[in-house]
């Protein structure tokens, strides 16, 4: 007869064998995990690599509390004589809390990971619903609207470097810039070419597969997501997003910065059911929240008309990154992206957004940007690329081999980008078009720069200047409207073509 003790030993072995034979998961920084020595196999708390942690159960459970707070100062010119109903009280100089996020991440058995977070602020810059001529033009993103939103909220299964899975609220796997968390971006907001046109909603709800081969010599992210633009889930609205990138010099001699050079491609195909999808098409706005293009108008019968995404939604383009070290040990990080977007739309009278109309249109065009960051790491006490690799969003993971102290960084960045697009509305694609339909051309450029001091990736102090240029703003046929082009309560609108903005930020993140 088998004793009770023997049965217990057999049961323990049966449980230990599958746990011990589970494959090694992929880590956030691409490094192999290390099994802790017996002396470390106990619950402990600490702070490593800029990340607080707590681990227990012989290091089978790890928890990472985190959060972000961003305090912004901003200045956007407020033209005299503009109707207060347009939200001009939010222009000028203002101080606001841009984002307040609390979250908890963790790992279980080195195979499962999760992140659960909520935030105030963080909404899409310039997001509003068209209600007619008095629709606010200044819509900054900050916590003062009182809304609480989900931050990142997802669960991952990471059995292999080459194949892992994530489900929940994630950063859309489209574009290098969109896969870089805002708190480590070189600018206070993503370039308008990305957030205003190519990826108008940075986070999406769905599931994705991702993987990395040979220390990221090749990586991929592909998934299916709800396409309801952060509205309540809408049947018949779905997006398929995919991003692939490669590092052709990944096996170059260590210390040669070309090993981090990468090229990539992103693509999206989506669909919006015209009888169910009712959200307004996303606006295009400046970094401080001034709406440059509003997708809506009042027709010749005085009815408020909404422009709504309908049918096929398509985008494709690519990314390039080239970091270079100079003989003086200064580091330059060059990035650039360009995308072609073609999104079908429809027009609907206010109150009848669920009606499947025959007034169809299209938003189509190209967006692009190029940025160059200079890290002054030749100065004593300053390091290079202290914010990590851009374009990489992975589950948090602890690496005990990293004992580096906080690194200071001084980053100086410049940016140039633009949107070259048009809205072919009902008046141009349908016999039922209205003569007061909005202008078709959408042409805007963005130029600027930023200076940032980093204490690791945890603390940032920033100064930024941006100029948004509408070369044809204020002229017939041009849809981009700058503050000086708005109608005055007395007198005619101005004919300016440039919007200047200044931004300051103090940020703390874990």
Protein backbone atom coordinates (compact mmCIF):
# COMPACT_ATOMS: atom_id res chain seq x y z
CA UNK A 1 0.00 0.00 0.00
CA UNK A 2 1.29 3.43 -0.91
CA UNK A 3 1.69 5.63 2.13
CA UNK A 4 0.14 9.04 2.52
CA UNK A 5 3.65 10.59 2.45
CA UNK A 6 4.46 8.86 -0.86
CA UNK A 7 1.24 10.13 -2.38
CA UNK A 8 2.12 13.67 -1.29
CA UNK A 9 5.60 13.41 -2.83
CA UNK A 10 4.15 12.16 -6.13
CA UNK A 11 1.60 14.96 -6.20
CA UNK A 12 4.31 17.55 -5.57
CA UNK A 13 6.45 16.13 -8.39
CA UNK A 14 3.48 16.11 -10.75
CA UNK A 15 2.95 19.81 -10.06
CA UNK A 16 6.62 20.77 -10.15
CA UNK A 17 7.49 19.08 -13.46
CA UNK A 18 5.10 21.09 -15.69
CA UNK A 19 5.95 24.32 -13.89
CA UNK A 20 9.65 23.71 -14.29
CA UNK A 21 9.35 22.80 -17.98
CA UNK A 22 7.38 25.88 -19.00
CA UNK A 23 9.18 27.91 -21.67
CA UNK A 24 10.92 31.18 -20.85
CA UNK A 25 8.79 34.29 -21.45
CA UNK A 26 9.79 37.34 -23.46
CA UNK A 27 10.85 40.31 -21.35
CA UNK A 28 10.29 43.99 -21.88
CA UNK A 29 13.97 44.68 -22.63
CA UNK A 30 14.61 41.51 -24.61
CA UNK A 31 16.93 39.99 -21.98
CA UNK A 32 16.75 36.46 -20.62
CA UNK A 33 15.28 36.19 -17.12
CA UNK A 34 17.43 34.87 -14.27
CA UNK A 35 16.21 32.42 -11.67
CA UNK A 36 16.87 33.99 -8.28
CA UNK A 37 19.31 32.34 -5.85
CA UNK A 38 17.84 30.64 -2.82
CA UNK A 39 18.89 33.63 -0.75
CA UNK A 40 16.60 35.86 -2.85
CA UNK A 41 13.64 33.47 -3.02
CA UNK A 42 11.51 35.34 -0.54
CA UNK A 43 9.11 38.28 -0.54
CA UNK A 44 10.94 41.55 -0.90
CA UNK A 45 10.37 45.09 -2.06
CA UNK A 46 12.69 47.54 -3.75
CA UNK A 47 13.34 50.05 -6.48
CA UNK A 48 15.31 48.96 -9.54
CA UNK A 49 15.81 50.58 -12.93
CA UNK A 50 13.40 53.36 -12.04
CA UNK A 51 10.66 50.86 -11.15
CA UNK A 52 9.30 49.97 -7.68
CA UNK A 53 8.56 46.29 -7.14
CA UNK A 54 7.26 43.73 -4.67
CA UNK A 55 7.78 40.01 -5.12
CA UNK A 56 6.61 36.93 -3.25
CA UNK A 57 5.97 33.19 -3.49
CA UNK A 58 9.59 32.34 -4.25
CA UNK A 59 9.62 35.09 -6.92
CA UNK A 60 6.66 33.60 -8.77
CA UNK A 61 4.58 36.73 -8.17
CA UNK A 62 5.83 40.24 -8.90
CA UNK A 63 3.90 43.48 -8.52
CA UNK A 64 4.84 46.88 -9.92
CA UNK A 65 2.89 49.91 -8.67
CA UNK A 66 3.06 52.83 -11.05
CA UNK A 67 1.54 56.08 -12.18
CA UNK A 68 2.07 59.37 -13.96
CA UNK A 69 1.33 62.98 -13.05
CA UNK A 70 1.89 65.76 -15.60
CA UNK A 71 1.66 69.43 -14.67
CA UNK A 72 1.54 71.63 -17.78
CA UNK A 73 1.87 75.30 -18.47
CA UNK A 74 0.76 76.43 -21.91
CA UNK A 75 0.23 79.50 -24.04
CA UNK A 76 -1.95 79.73 -27.15
CA UNK A 77 -2.87 83.13 -28.60
CA UNK A 78 -6.48 84.17 -28.10
CA UNK A 79 -7.57 86.59 -30.84
CA UNK A 80 -9.58 89.61 -29.81
CA UNK A 81 -13.26 89.73 -30.70
CA UNK A 82 -13.82 85.97 -31.01
CA UNK A 83 -17.08 84.69 -29.53
CA UNK A 84 -16.56 83.31 -25.99
CA UNK A 85 -18.80 80.36 -26.94
CA UNK A 86 -15.88 78.98 -28.99
CA UNK A 87 -13.96 78.22 -25.80
CA UNK A 88 -11.47 81.05 -26.19
CA UNK A 89 -11.34 81.32 -22.39
CA UNK A 90 -9.06 78.25 -22.52
CA UNK A 91 -6.58 80.06 -24.77
CA UNK A 92 -3.89 82.43 -23.56
CA UNK A 93 -1.63 81.40 -20.67
CA UNK A 94 -2.94 78.62 -18.45
CA UNK A 95 -1.74 76.09 -15.90
CA UNK A 96 -3.35 72.66 -15.76
CA UNK A 97 -2.86 69.05 -14.72
CA UNK A 98 -2.60 67.29 -18.06
CA UNK A 99 -2.76 63.72 -16.79
CA UNK A 100 -3.11 61.82 -13.52
CA UNK A 101 -2.81 58.05 -13.85
CA UNK A 102 -2.60 55.28 -11.27
CA UNK A 103 -1.87 51.70 -12.23
CA UNK A 104 -0.68 48.33 -11.02
CA UNK A 105 1.26 45.85 -13.15
CA UNK A 106 2.44 42.38 -12.32
CA UNK A 107 3.88 39.03 -13.40
CA UNK A 108 2.80 35.53 -12.42
CA UNK A 109 4.99 32.44 -12.93
CA UNK A 110 7.05 34.41 -15.50
CA UNK A 111 4.33 33.49 -18.02
CA UNK A 112 1.47 35.87 -17.34
CA UNK A 113 1.53 39.63 -17.00
CA UNK A 114 -1.11 42.28 -16.43
CA UNK A 115 -1.56 46.02 -16.20
CA UNK A 116 -4.62 47.75 -14.74
CA UNK A 117 -4.81 51.52 -14.66
CA UNK A 118 -7.23 54.43 -14.54
CA UNK A 119 -6.57 58.06 -15.34
CA UNK A 120 -8.02 61.52 -15.30
CA UNK A 121 -7.08 63.60 -18.30
CA UNK A 122 -5.43 61.76 -21.13
CA UNK A 123 -8.40 62.17 -23.45
CA UNK A 124 -7.80 62.80 -27.12
CA UNK A 125 -6.53 66.34 -27.74
CA UNK A 126 -9.22 68.42 -29.44
CA UNK A 127 -11.93 65.81 -29.03
CA UNK A 128 -15.43 67.27 -29.25
CA UNK A 129 -18.77 66.76 -30.95
CA UNK A 130 -19.87 69.15 -33.64
CA UNK A 131 -22.94 71.13 -32.50
CA UNK A 132 -22.90 73.93 -35.05
CA UNK A 133 -21.10 77.26 -35.39
CA UNK A 134 -20.63 77.55 -31.61
CA UNK A 135 -18.73 74.25 -31.32
CA UNK A 136 -15.70 74.94 -29.06
CA UNK A 137 -12.43 75.36 -30.94
CA UNK A 138 -10.19 75.17 -27.84
CA UNK A 139 -10.41 71.65 -26.36
CA UNK A 140 -7.24 70.95 -24.31
CA UNK A 141 -6.68 67.56 -22.75
CA UNK A 142 -6.48 67.81 -18.95
CA UNK A 143 -8.06 66.44 -15.79
CA UNK A 144 -10.36 69.42 -15.32
CA UNK A 145 -13.17 67.90 -17.37
CA UNK A 146 -13.69 65.53 -14.40
CA UNK A 147 -13.82 62.33 -16.45
CA UNK A 148 -12.19 59.10 -15.26
CA UNK A 149 -11.01 56.82 -18.06
CA UNK A 150 -9.27 53.47 -18.33
CA UNK A 151 -5.54 53.73 -18.89
CA UNK A 152 -3.73 50.62 -19.97
CA UNK A 153 -5.80 47.63 -18.91
CA UNK A 154 -4.66 44.32 -20.35
CA UNK A 155 -3.47 40.77 -19.69
CA UNK A 156 -0.55 39.12 -21.49
CA UNK A 157 0.59 35.53 -21.97
CA UNK A 158 4.33 35.48 -22.73
CA UNK A 159 5.50 31.89 -23.33
CA UNK A 160 8.21 32.70 -25.89
CA UNK A 161 10.19 35.64 -27.22
CA UNK A 162 8.92 34.79 -30.69
CA UNK A 163 5.22 34.54 -29.85
CA UNK A 164 3.22 36.20 -27.08
CA UNK A 165 -0.34 37.46 -26.70
CA UNK A 166 -2.00 40.50 -25.13
CA UNK A 167 -5.71 41.27 -24.73
CA UNK A 168 -7.44 44.38 -23.39
CA UNK A 169 -6.85 48.13 -23.75
CA UNK A 170 -3.52 48.57 -25.54
CA UNK A 171 -1.61 51.11 -27.60
CA UNK A 172 -2.65 50.43 -31.19
CA UNK A 173 0.12 48.48 -32.98
CA UNK A 174 0.49 51.10 -35.69
CA UNK A 175 3.39 53.58 -35.99
CA UNK A 176 6.65 53.83 -34.04
CA UNK A 177 5.46 57.03 -32.35
CA UNK A 178 2.13 55.54 -31.26
CA UNK A 179 3.97 52.59 -29.69
CA UNK A 180 6.04 55.01 -27.60
CA UNK A 181 4.41 55.96 -24.32
CA UNK A 182 3.72 59.68 -24.05
CA UNK A 183 5.65 60.02 -20.81
CA UNK A 184 8.95 59.16 -22.58
CA UNK A 185 8.23 60.88 -25.91
CA UNK A 186 10.65 63.69 -26.88
CA UNK A 187 7.69 66.06 -27.24
CA UNK A 188 4.75 66.96 -25.01
CA UNK A 189 2.32 65.48 -27.53
CA UNK A 190 2.75 63.16 -30.49
CA UNK A 191 3.34 64.84 -33.86
CA UNK A 192 0.10 66.02 -35.44
CA UNK A 193 0.79 63.74 -38.42
CA UNK A 194 0.27 60.72 -36.14
CA UNK A 195 -2.30 61.71 -33.50
CA UNK A 196 -4.28 63.96 -35.85
CA UNK A 197 -4.46 61.74 -38.90
CA UNK A 198 -2.68 58.37 -39.05
CA UNK A 199 -3.64 57.11 -35.54
CA UNK A 200 -6.34 59.45 -34.19
CA UNK A 201 -6.97 57.20 -31.15
CA UNK A 202 -3.78 55.95 -29.50
CA UNK A 203 -5.35 53.17 -27.41
CA UNK A 204 -7.75 50.50 -28.66
CA UNK A 205 -9.63 47.53 -27.20
CA UNK A 206 -8.92 44.07 -28.57
CA UNK A 207 -6.33 41.30 -28.78
CA UNK A 208 -2.93 41.09 -30.42
CA UNK A 209 -0.07 38.67 -31.02
CA UNK A 210 3.51 39.92 -30.92
CA UNK A 211 7.00 38.56 -30.94
CA UNK A 212 10.72 39.27 -31.32
CA UNK A 213 13.41 37.26 -33.07
CA UNK A 214 17.14 37.29 -32.28
CA UNK A 215 17.28 40.32 -29.99
CA UNK A 216 14.78 42.27 -32.11
CA UNK A 217 16.49 41.76 -35.44
CA UNK A 218 12.86 41.29 -36.45
CA UNK A 219 9.68 42.07 -34.49
CA UNK A 220 5.98 42.07 -35.21
CA UNK A 221 2.68 43.17 -33.62
CA UNK A 222 -0.67 42.27 -35.16
CA UNK A 223 -4.19 42.28 -33.78
CA UNK A 224 -7.93 42.78 -34.13
CA UNK A 225 -9.57 45.68 -32.29
CA UNK A 226 -12.87 47.38 -31.74
CA UNK A 227 -13.05 50.35 -34.09
CA UNK A 228 -15.61 52.44 -32.21
CA UNK A 229 -13.09 55.20 -31.45
CA UNK A 230 -13.25 54.91 -27.67
CA UNK A 231 -17.04 55.08 -27.77
CA UNK A 232 -19.13 52.23 -26.27
CA UNK A 233 -18.59 49.02 -28.22
CA UNK A 234 -20.36 49.21 -31.57
CA UNK A 235 -21.18 46.02 -33.53
CA UNK A 236 -19.88 46.22 -37.05
CA UNK A 237 -16.84 48.39 -36.24
CA UNK A 238 -13.55 46.52 -36.33
CA UNK A 239 -9.91 47.27 -37.17
CA UNK A 240 -7.05 44.97 -38.13
CA UNK A 241 -3.74 46.64 -37.27
CA UNK A 242 -0.24 45.34 -37.90
CA UNK A 243 3.29 46.67 -37.39
CA UNK A 244 6.53 44.98 -38.42
CA UNK A 245 10.07 46.26 -38.03
CA UNK A 246 13.58 44.95 -38.61
CA UNK A 247 17.09 45.90 -37.51
CA UNK A 248 19.40 44.96 -40.37
CA UNK A 249 22.57 45.88 -38.41
CA UNK A 250 21.55 44.20 -35.15
CA UNK A 251 24.60 41.91 -35.24
CA UNK A 252 27.09 44.69 -35.83
CA UNK A 253 30.00 45.10 -33.43
CA UNK A 254 28.84 46.10 -29.96
CA UNK A 255 29.05 49.80 -29.33
CA UNK A 256 28.28 50.66 -32.95
CA UNK A 257 25.02 52.58 -32.80
CA UNK A 258 23.92 51.33 -36.19
CA UNK A 259 22.93 48.10 -34.45
CA UNK A 260 19.80 49.95 -33.25
CA UNK A 261 18.88 51.33 -36.69
CA UNK A 262 15.49 50.03 -37.78
CA UNK A 263 12.97 50.19 -40.59
CA UNK A 264 9.34 49.18 -40.32
CA UNK A 265 5.90 49.17 -41.87
CA UNK A 266 2.41 49.60 -40.38
CA UNK A 267 -0.96 48.85 -41.97
CA UNK A 268 -4.62 49.03 -41.00
CA UNK A 269 -7.86 47.86 -42.51
CA UNK A 270 -11.11 48.61 -40.73
CA UNK A 271 -14.83 48.83 -41.29
CA UNK A 272 -17.60 51.02 -39.82
CA UNK A 273 -21.18 49.84 -40.22
CA UNK A 274 -22.98 52.93 -41.62
CA UNK A 275 -26.26 51.98 -39.93
CA UNK A 276 -24.71 51.62 -36.47
CA UNK A 277 -21.61 53.78 -36.17
CA UNK A 278 -22.52 57.34 -35.09
CA UNK A 279 -19.37 58.98 -33.66
CA UNK A 280 -18.10 62.15 -35.33
CA UNK A 281 -14.99 61.79 -37.45
CA UNK A 282 -11.93 62.77 -35.34
CA UNK A 283 -10.80 66.39 -35.42
CA UNK A 284 -7.28 67.65 -36.14
CA UNK A 285 -5.93 69.79 -33.27
CA UNK A 286 -2.77 71.53 -32.12
CA UNK A 287 -0.79 70.28 -29.14
CA UNK A 288 -2.48 72.76 -26.78
CA UNK A 289 -5.94 71.73 -27.99
CA UNK A 290 -6.95 74.28 -30.65
CA UNK A 291 -9.09 72.50 -33.28
CA UNK A 292 -7.64 73.18 -36.72
CA UNK A 293 -10.21 71.08 -38.63
CA UNK A 294 -13.77 70.32 -37.54
CA UNK A 295 -15.59 67.59 -39.49
CA UNK A 296 -19.05 69.16 -39.60
CA UNK A 297 -21.02 72.06 -41.07
CA UNK A 298 -24.41 73.75 -41.23
CA UNK A 299 -26.14 73.10 -44.55
CA UNK A 300 -28.17 75.54 -46.67
CA UNK A 301 -31.31 74.64 -44.72
CA UNK A 302 -29.69 75.52 -41.41
CA UNK A 303 -29.30 71.91 -40.25
CA UNK A 304 -26.26 70.76 -38.27
CA UNK A 305 -24.52 68.10 -40.35
CA UNK A 306 -22.07 65.56 -38.94
CA UNK A 307 -19.22 63.89 -40.83
CA UNK A 308 -19.05 60.26 -39.64
CA UNK A 309 -16.67 57.43 -40.49
CA UNK A 310 -18.49 54.89 -42.66
CA UNK A 311 -17.37 51.82 -44.56
CA UNK A 312 -13.73 51.02 -45.23
CA UNK A 313 -10.94 52.62 -43.16
CA UNK A 314 -7.45 52.09 -44.60
CA UNK A 315 -3.91 53.23 -43.81
CA UNK A 316 -0.40 52.09 -44.69
CA UNK A 317 3.09 53.51 -44.31
CA UNK A 318 6.50 53.11 -42.77
CA UNK A 319 9.03 54.19 -40.16
CA UNK A 320 12.79 54.74 -40.04
CA UNK A 321 15.03 55.22 -37.02
CA UNK A 322 18.78 55.91 -37.15
CA UNK A 323 20.72 56.65 -33.93
CA UNK A 324 24.27 57.96 -34.51
CA UNK A 325 27.17 58.59 -32.12
CA UNK A 326 29.62 61.36 -33.00
CA UNK A 327 33.38 61.41 -32.25
CA UNK A 328 32.64 63.75 -29.32
CA UNK A 329 30.31 61.05 -27.88
CA UNK A 330 27.21 63.15 -28.46
CA UNK A 331 24.30 61.03 -29.66
CA UNK A 332 21.78 61.92 -32.36
CA UNK A 333 18.53 59.98 -32.76
CA UNK A 334 16.80 60.49 -36.12
CA UNK A 335 13.22 59.26 -36.63
CA UNK A 336 10.76 59.63 -39.44
CA UNK A 337 7.39 58.22 -40.52
CA UNK A 338 5.00 58.67 -43.45
CA UNK A 339 1.50 57.24 -43.99
CA UNK A 340 -1.20 57.19 -46.63
CA UNK A 341 -4.75 57.23 -45.21
CA UNK A 342 -8.06 56.68 -46.99
CA UNK A 343 -11.15 56.63 -44.76
CA UNK A 344 -14.68 56.54 -46.15
CA UNK A 345 -17.27 58.78 -44.50
CA UNK A 346 -20.94 59.72 -44.61
CA UNK A 347 -22.85 62.86 -43.68
CA UNK A 348 -25.84 62.83 -41.35
CA UNK A 349 -28.21 65.48 -40.05
CA UNK A 350 -28.05 66.03 -36.29
CA UNK A 351 -30.46 63.67 -34.53
CA UNK A 352 -30.41 61.17 -37.38
CA UNK A 353 -26.89 59.82 -37.02
CA UNK A 354 -28.15 56.23 -37.07
CA UNK A 355 -29.80 56.76 -40.44
CA UNK A 356 -27.94 55.11 -43.27
CA UNK A 357 -27.81 58.02 -45.71
CA UNK A 358 -26.65 58.10 -49.33
CA UNK A 359 -24.47 61.17 -48.75
CA UNK A 360 -21.10 59.50 -48.72
CA UNK A 361 -17.65 61.05 -48.77
CA UNK A 362 -14.00 60.36 -48.07
CA UNK A 363 -11.04 61.68 -46.09
CA UNK A 364 -7.85 60.90 -47.98
CA UNK A 365 -4.25 62.01 -47.87
CA UNK A 366 -0.69 61.68 -46.61
CA UNK A 367 0.87 62.58 -43.25
CA UNK A 368 4.54 62.60 -42.31
CA UNK A 369 7.07 63.83 -39.77
CA UNK A 370 10.81 63.80 -39.13
CA UNK A 371 12.43 64.47 -35.76
CA UNK A 372 16.03 64.72 -34.61
CA UNK A 373 17.01 64.41 -30.96
CA UNK A 374 20.46 65.35 -29.63
CA UNK A 375 21.62 63.84 -26.34
CA UNK A 376 24.36 65.95 -24.74
CA UNK A 377 26.06 62.93 -23.18
CA UNK A 378 29.53 64.41 -23.71
CA UNK A 379 28.77 66.70 -20.77
CA UNK A 380 29.85 65.37 -17.34
CA UNK A 381 27.00 63.64 -15.52
CA UNK A 382 24.74 63.23 -18.57
CA UNK A 383 23.94 59.95 -20.32
CA UNK A 384 22.41 58.91 -23.66
CA UNK A 385 18.92 57.59 -24.44
CA UNK A 386 17.94 57.44 -20.77
CA UNK A 387 14.28 56.98 -21.74
CA UNK A 388 14.91 53.64 -23.44
CA UNK A 389 14.01 52.46 -26.91
CA UNK A 390 11.14 54.21 -28.72
CA UNK A 391 8.35 52.18 -30.27
CA UNK A 392 8.52 49.38 -27.70
CA UNK A 393 5.56 48.73 -25.38
CA UNK A 394 5.95 45.45 -23.51
CA UNK A 395 4.75 43.99 -20.20
CA UNK A 396 6.79 45.19 -17.24
CA UNK A 397 9.43 42.77 -16.01
CA UNK A 398 12.15 42.91 -13.37
CA UNK A 399 15.80 42.23 -14.28
CA UNK A 400 17.88 41.66 -11.15
CA UNK A 401 21.13 42.02 -13.08
CA UNK A 402 20.55 45.73 -13.59
CA UNK A 403 21.94 47.75 -10.69
CA UNK A 404 22.54 51.03 -12.55
CA UNK A 405 21.86 54.24 -10.66
CA UNK A 406 19.65 57.00 -11.99
CA UNK A 407 21.04 58.58 -15.16
CA UNK A 408 20.63 62.25 -15.99
CA UNK A 409 19.83 63.20 -19.56
CA UNK A 410 19.69 66.45 -21.53
CA UNK A 411 17.72 66.07 -24.77
CA UNK A 412 17.27 68.74 -27.43
CA UNK A 413 14.81 67.86 -30.22
CA UNK A 414 13.49 69.44 -33.41
CA UNK A 415 10.44 68.39 -35.43
CA UNK A 416 8.96 68.98 -38.87
CA UNK A 417 5.80 67.34 -40.17
CA UNK A 418 2.59 67.85 -42.05
CA UNK A 419 -0.79 66.62 -43.24
CA UNK A 420 -1.62 66.85 -46.97
CA UNK A 421 -5.19 65.64 -47.30
CA UNK A 422 -8.68 66.50 -48.48
CA UNK A 423 -12.27 65.84 -47.50
CA UNK A 424 -14.34 64.88 -50.51
CA UNK A 425 -17.78 65.48 -49.05
CA UNK A 426 -21.32 65.01 -50.24
CA UNK A 427 -21.29 68.13 -52.39
CA UNK A 428 -18.58 66.55 -54.54
CA UNK A 429 -19.44 62.86 -54.56
CA UNK A 430 -23.25 62.93 -54.60
CA UNK A 431 -25.97 64.63 -56.60
CA UNK A 432 -27.57 65.42 -53.23
CA UNK A 433 -24.62 67.53 -52.15
CA UNK A 434 -25.14 70.83 -50.38
CA UNK A 435 -23.50 74.04 -51.65
CA UNK A 436 -22.51 74.94 -48.07
CA UNK A 437 -20.59 71.71 -47.51
CA UNK A 438 -17.15 72.35 -45.93
CA UNK A 439 -14.04 73.15 -47.91
CA UNK A 440 -12.15 70.16 -49.22
CA UNK A 441 -8.43 70.90 -48.73
CA UNK A 442 -6.66 69.97 -45.47
CA UNK A 443 -3.11 71.31 -45.50
CA UNK A 444 -1.17 72.01 -42.30
CA UNK A 445 2.50 71.88 -41.30
CA UNK A 446 4.05 71.53 -37.85
CA UNK A 447 7.50 72.91 -36.94
CA UNK A 448 9.08 73.19 -33.52
CA UNK A 449 11.50 72.02 -30.92
CA UNK A 450 11.85 70.98 -27.30
CA UNK A 451 14.47 70.95 -24.53
CA UNK A 452 14.09 68.32 -21.83
CA UNK A 453 15.96 67.41 -18.68
CA UNK A 454 15.48 63.80 -17.60
CA UNK A 455 16.24 62.15 -14.29
CA UNK A 456 16.06 58.62 -15.58
CA UNK A 457 12.67 58.14 -17.17
CA UNK A 458 10.96 59.08 -13.89
CA UNK A 459 11.25 62.86 -13.75
CA UNK A 460 11.09 65.32 -16.63
CA UNK A 461 11.21 69.09 -16.98
CA UNK A 462 10.40 70.36 -20.49
CA UNK A 463 10.12 73.50 -22.56
CA UNK A 464 8.56 73.32 -26.03
CA UNK A 465 7.70 75.66 -28.88
CA UNK A 466 5.48 74.62 -31.80
CA UNK A 467 4.21 76.45 -34.87
CA UNK A 468 1.26 75.19 -36.93
CA UNK A 469 1.28 76.64 -40.42
CA UNK A 470 -1.75 76.68 -42.71
CA UNK A 471 -0.41 78.20 -45.95
CA UNK A 472 -3.91 78.55 -47.41
CA UNK A 473 -5.92 79.01 -44.22
CA UNK A 474 -8.63 81.65 -44.46
CA UNK A 475 -9.07 81.15 -48.21
CA UNK A 476 -11.96 79.47 -50.10
CA UNK A 477 -11.52 75.74 -50.43
CA UNK A 478 -9.18 75.39 -47.42
CA UNK A 479 -10.58 73.53 -44.40
CA UNK A 480 -7.79 74.38 -41.92
CA UNK A 481 -8.87 77.28 -39.69
CA UNK A 482 -6.44 79.14 -37.41
CA UNK A 483 -7.49 81.42 -34.53
CA UNK A 484 -6.99 84.53 -36.64
CA UNK A 485 -9.37 83.13 -39.28
CA UNK A 486 -12.31 82.88 -36.87
CA UNK A 487 -15.19 85.33 -37.34
CA UNK A 488 -15.07 88.30 -34.98
CA UNK A 489 -18.04 89.66 -33.09
CA UNK A 490 -17.31 92.92 -34.89
CA UNK A 491 -15.38 93.19 -38.14
CA UNK A 492 -14.06 90.61 -40.57
CA UNK A 493 -11.96 87.57 -39.75
CA UNK A 494 -8.19 87.85 -40.07
CA UNK A 495 -6.00 86.21 -42.68
CA UNK A 496 -3.19 84.80 -40.54
CA UNK A 497 -1.45 81.57 -41.48
CA UNK A 498 0.52 80.61 -38.33
CA UNK A 499 -0.47 79.45 -34.85
CA UNK A 500 2.32 79.76 -32.25
CA UNK A 501 2.20 77.67 -29.07
CA UNK A 502 4.43 77.29 -26.02
CA UNK A 503 4.36 74.40 -23.58
CA UNK A 504 6.01 73.62 -20.24
CA UNK A 505 5.81 70.36 -18.33
CA UNK A 506 6.86 68.95 -14.99
CA UNK A 507 6.32 65.19 -14.92
CA UNK A 508 6.82 62.38 -12.47
CA UNK A 509 6.32 58.78 -13.55
CA UNK A 510 6.89 55.29 -12.18
